[in-house]
Amino acid sequence: MERALGEARAAAQRGEVPIGAVIVGPDGTVLAAAGNRTEADHDPTAHAEMLAIRAAAAALGSARLVDCDIHVTLEPCPMCAQAISFARLRRVYYGASDPKGGGVENGPRIFAQPTCHHRPEVYGGIAEQEAAELLRGFFRERR
């Protein structure tokens, strides 16, 4: 999670919402790491999770990231949760909950839907205080 927090800090320095994601392979090797780039890329889908999934899939040469885990600083939104399911990631570790925009344990709870094809194990609250403070501080400065 420390690497994901580093990606989130770097995103904040670029003026992006501070969210970071890291995908780790079955042997513990970091396959991909990313921070949000929605503003820089002019792309509403350039969430940290989406970027990390794309990079990890390219690194492995496969659309399936079986036995890989994702560490992300904020509960994934519904779009990212669905991509996590499609990528067949084994586990999701996330920092802060997102009652407004989350899609895992809040909102539509993508993995709990009967139409969800793959349900990863989910572990929330990892480095939650630090992840939440990064977000609070970022938005406090913009108000």
Protein backbone atom coordinates (compact mmCIF):
# COMPACT_ATOMS: atom_id res chain seq x y z
CA MET A 1 0.00 0.00 0.00
CA GLU A 2 2.94 2.33 0.58
CA ARG A 3 3.73 2.27 -3.13
CA ALA A 4 0.08 3.09 -3.95
CA LEU A 5 0.20 6.00 -1.49
CA GLY A 6 3.33 7.23 -3.26
CA GLU A 7 1.48 7.13 -6.58
CA ALA A 8 -1.39 9.06 -4.96
CA ARG A 9 1.00 11.74 -3.64
CA ALA A 10 2.56 12.09 -7.10
CA ALA A 11 -0.91 12.44 -8.64
CA ALA A 12 -1.74 15.24 -6.18
CA GLN A 13 1.47 17.06 -7.13
CA ARG A 14 0.29 16.94 -10.76
CA GLY A 15 -3.07 18.41 -9.76
CA GLU A 16 -4.91 15.10 -10.05
CA VAL A 17 -7.19 13.63 -7.39
CA PRO A 18 -4.71 11.71 -5.19
CA ILE A 19 -5.49 8.08 -5.85
CA GLY A 20 -2.84 5.48 -6.51
CA ALA A 21 -2.96 1.81 -7.50
CA VAL A 22 -0.41 -0.99 -7.68
CA ILE A 23 -0.83 -4.46 -9.15
CA VAL A 24 1.30 -7.24 -7.71
CA GLY A 25 1.90 -10.57 -9.41
CA PRO A 26 1.61 -13.99 -7.79
CA ASP A 27 5.29 -13.90 -6.79
CA GLY A 28 5.00 -10.46 -5.16
CA THR A 29 6.57 -8.58 -8.07
CA VAL A 30 5.08 -5.18 -8.85
CA LEU A 31 3.66 -5.45 -12.36
CA ALA A 32 2.25 -1.94 -12.63
CA ALA A 33 1.75 1.22 -10.61
CA ALA A 34 -0.24 4.33 -11.50
CA GLY A 35 -1.87 7.43 -10.15
CA ASN A 36 -4.93 9.18 -11.50
CA ARG A 37 -4.39 10.94 -14.86
CA THR A 38 -7.90 12.02 -15.80
CA GLU A 39 -6.95 15.70 -16.15
CA ALA A 40 -3.59 15.19 -17.87
CA ASP A 41 -4.99 12.65 -20.33
CA HIS A 42 -8.36 14.40 -20.77
CA ASP A 43 -9.83 10.98 -20.16
CA PRO A 44 -12.56 10.26 -17.60
CA THR A 45 -11.51 6.60 -17.55
CA ALA A 46 -7.87 7.35 -16.59
CA HIS A 47 -8.40 6.26 -12.99
CA ALA A 48 -5.38 4.80 -11.22
CA GLU A 49 -6.91 1.31 -11.22
CA MET A 50 -7.72 1.37 -14.93
CA LEU A 51 -4.21 2.55 -15.82
CA ALA A 52 -2.59 -0.08 -13.60
CA ILE A 53 -4.80 -2.85 -15.02
CA ARG A 54 -3.92 -1.83 -18.59
CA ALA A 55 -0.19 -1.73 -17.81
CA ALA A 56 -0.21 -5.06 -15.95
CA ALA A 57 -2.16 -6.75 -18.75
CA ALA A 58 0.35 -5.41 -21.29
CA ALA A 59 3.27 -6.59 -19.13
CA LEU A 60 1.83 -10.09 -18.86
CA GLY A 61 0.51 -10.20 -22.41
CA SER A 62 -2.90 -11.25 -21.13
CA ALA A 63 -6.26 -9.66 -20.43
CA ARG A 64 -6.58 -11.93 -17.39
CA LEU A 65 -4.59 -11.03 -14.30
CA VAL A 66 -5.27 -14.31 -12.52
CA ASP A 67 -3.54 -14.66 -9.13
CA CYS A 68 -2.63 -10.96 -9.15
CA ASP A 69 -3.69 -8.47 -6.49
CA ILE A 70 -4.48 -4.76 -6.64
CA HIS A 71 -3.69 -2.26 -3.90
CA VAL A 72 -5.54 1.04 -4.24
CA THR A 73 -5.78 4.02 -1.92
CA LEU A 74 -9.55 4.54 -2.32
CA GLU A 75 -12.41 2.09 -2.65
CA PRO A 76 -12.80 1.48 -6.39
CA CYS A 77 -15.67 3.18 -8.18
CA PRO A 78 -18.20 1.03 -10.09
CA MET A 79 -16.26 1.37 -13.37
CA CYS A 80 -13.01 0.24 -11.78
CA ALA A 81 -14.70 -2.51 -9.80
CA GLN A 82 -16.13 -3.94 -13.00
CA ALA A 83 -12.71 -3.75 -14.69
CA ILE A 84 -11.19 -5.54 -11.67
CA SER A 85 -13.77 -8.29 -12.11
CA PHE A 86 -13.17 -8.55 -15.87
CA ALA A 87 -9.41 -8.73 -15.27
CA ARG A 88 -9.98 -11.59 -12.80
CA LEU A 89 -7.82 -9.98 -10.13
CA ARG A 90 -7.57 -12.26 -7.09
CA ARG A 91 -7.69 -9.69 -4.28
CA VAL A 92 -8.49 -6.02 -3.79
CA TYR A 93 -6.81 -4.15 -0.95
CA TYR A 94 -8.01 -0.59 -0.53
CA GLY A 95 -7.40 2.26 1.87
CA ALA A 96 -10.26 4.70 2.42
CA SER A 97 -13.93 3.86 1.89
CA ASP A 98 -15.89 5.97 -0.58
CA PRO A 99 -19.52 6.28 0.60
CA LYS A 100 -20.35 8.64 -2.28
CA GLY A 101 -18.63 7.06 -5.27
CA GLY A 102 -17.52 3.61 -4.19
CA GLY A 103 -18.64 0.54 -6.04
CA VAL A 104 -17.35 -2.28 -3.84
CA GLU A 105 -18.72 -1.95 -0.32
CA ASN A 106 -20.77 1.16 -1.02
CA GLY A 107 -23.05 2.17 -3.88
CA PRO A 108 -23.89 -0.63 -6.32
CA ARG A 109 -21.58 -3.21 -4.67
CA ILE A 110 -20.49 -4.62 -8.01
CA PHE A 111 -18.99 -7.85 -6.64
CA ALA A 112 -22.22 -8.71 -4.81
CA GLN A 113 -24.36 -8.53 -7.95
CA PRO A 114 -25.62 -11.82 -9.40
CA THR A 115 -24.38 -10.70 -12.84
CA CYS A 116 -20.79 -10.33 -11.61
CA HIS A 117 -18.67 -13.02 -13.28
CA HIS A 118 -15.70 -12.88 -10.90
CA ARG A 119 -15.66 -11.84 -7.25
CA PRO A 120 -12.23 -11.03 -5.84
CA GLU A 121 -11.49 -11.14 -2.14
CA VAL A 122 -11.79 -7.62 -0.73
CA TYR A 123 -9.88 -6.11 2.19
CA GLY A 124 -10.63 -2.50 3.07
CA GLY A 125 -9.18 -0.07 5.57
CA ILE A 126 -5.50 -0.64 4.70
CA ALA A 127 -3.63 2.59 5.62
CA GLU A 128 -7.08 4.15 5.72
CA GLN A 129 -6.17 7.24 7.74
CA GLU A 130 -3.30 8.26 5.49
CA ALA A 131 -5.27 7.62 2.30
CA ALA A 132 -8.26 9.59 3.60
CA GLU A 133 -6.10 12.50 4.75
CA LEU A 134 -4.46 12.76 1.32
CA LEU A 135 -7.90 13.18 -0.22
CA ARG A 136 -9.19 15.57 2.45
CA GLY A 137 -6.10 17.74 2.19
CA PHE A 138 -6.28 17.83 -1.61
CA PHE A 139 -9.90 18.99 -1.64
CA ARG A 140 -9.41 21.36 1.29
CA GLU A 141 -6.78 23.24 -0.73
CA ARG A 142 -9.16 23.58 -3.67
CA ARG A 143 -12.06 25.05 -1.72
